[in-house]
Amino acid sequence: MIKNKKLLERFEQELIKKEKINIEKYFRIFEELLRFAKDIKRFSQKDWKKDIENDIRYARAINGIKKTNRKNSKRI
């Protein structure tokens, strides 16, 4: 849990400067990908919550498997 929000914000700003991340560039790329997905009818604003819920369930299942595998690999 994050207790010091200002410290986190300062860290993020320093990371952006250090890594030379161009946020505007990445947002433009995201917007183009979103537009493309809508054009080919692979994205619908109506069911995005359902899609995210499925992604979260999938990620939890994979992370659970990874944790189980780590536990088992330590025993070997």
Protein backbone atom coordinates (compact mmCIF):
# COMPACT_ATOMS: atom_id res chain seq x y z
CA MET A 1 0.00 0.00 0.00
CA ILE A 2 1.27 3.45 -0.88
CA LYS A 3 1.49 5.68 2.17
CA ASN A 4 3.42 8.65 0.77
CA LYS A 5 1.72 9.83 -2.41
CA LYS A 6 4.08 12.79 -2.90
CA LEU A 7 7.11 10.50 -2.77
CA LEU A 8 5.54 8.22 -5.37
CA GLU A 9 4.71 11.15 -7.64
CA ARG A 10 8.27 12.46 -7.36
CA PHE A 11 9.61 8.99 -8.15
CA GLU A 12 7.37 8.74 -11.23
CA GLN A 13 8.48 12.16 -12.49
CA GLU A 14 12.16 11.28 -12.00
CA LEU A 15 11.64 7.96 -13.77
CA ILE A 16 9.97 9.67 -16.73
CA LYS A 17 12.87 12.12 -17.00
CA LYS A 18 15.50 9.41 -16.57
CA GLU A 19 13.94 6.99 -19.04
CA LYS A 20 13.08 9.79 -21.44
CA ILE A 21 9.56 8.48 -21.82
CA ASN A 22 7.47 10.38 -24.33
CA ILE A 23 4.00 10.03 -22.87
CA GLU A 24 2.36 11.97 -25.68
CA LYS A 25 3.85 9.57 -28.22
CA TYR A 26 2.50 6.55 -26.36
CA PHE A 27 -0.95 8.11 -26.03
CA ARG A 28 -0.99 8.76 -29.79
CA ILE A 29 -0.03 5.14 -30.42
CA PHE A 30 -2.74 3.97 -28.02
CA GLU A 31 -5.34 6.17 -29.70
CA GLU A 32 -4.39 4.82 -33.12
CA LEU A 33 -4.58 1.23 -31.90
CA LEU A 34 -7.96 1.93 -30.32
CA ARG A 35 -9.24 3.53 -33.52
CA PHE A 36 -7.98 0.55 -35.53
CA ALA A 37 -9.64 -1.91 -33.14
CA LYS A 38 -12.93 -0.04 -33.48
CA ASP A 39 -12.59 0.04 -37.28
CA ILE A 40 -12.17 -3.74 -37.51
CA LYS A 41 -14.95 -4.21 -34.94
CA ARG A 42 -12.67 -5.84 -32.34
CA PHE A 43 -13.48 -3.31 -29.65
CA SER A 44 -16.86 -2.25 -28.40
CA GLN A 45 -17.39 0.31 -25.70
CA LYS A 46 -20.48 -1.62 -24.68
CA ASP A 47 -18.64 -4.70 -23.42
CA TRP A 48 -15.27 -3.34 -22.29
CA LYS A 49 -16.03 -4.03 -18.62
CA LYS A 50 -16.72 -7.67 -19.39
CA ASP A 51 -13.48 -7.92 -21.37
CA ILE A 52 -11.49 -6.39 -18.52
CA GLU A 53 -13.11 -8.73 -16.00
CA ASN A 54 -12.07 -11.68 -18.17
CA ASP A 55 -8.51 -10.32 -18.41
CA ILE A 56 -8.35 -9.91 -14.63
CA ARG A 57 -9.58 -13.46 -14.05
CA TYR A 58 -7.03 -14.75 -16.54
CA ALA A 59 -4.21 -12.75 -14.93
CA ARG A 60 -5.18 -13.99 -11.47
CA ALA A 61 -5.20 -17.57 -12.69
CA ILE A 62 -1.78 -17.19 -14.33
CA ASN A 63 -0.32 -15.44 -11.28
CA GLY A 64 -1.70 -18.18 -9.09
CA ILE A 65 -0.03 -20.78 -11.28
CA LYS A 66 3.24 -18.86 -11.16
CA LYS A 67 3.11 -18.73 -7.36
CA THR A 68 2.41 -22.44 -7.20
CA ASN A 69 5.26 -23.19 -9.58
CA ARG A 70 7.67 -21.06 -7.55
CA LYS A 71 6.75 -22.91 -4.39
CA ASN A 72 7.26 -26.25 -6.09
CA SER A 73 10.55 -25.25 -7.70
CA LYS A 74 12.02 -24.27 -4.33
CA ARG A 75 11.40 -27.76 -3.01
CA ILE A 76 13.51 -29.35 -5.73
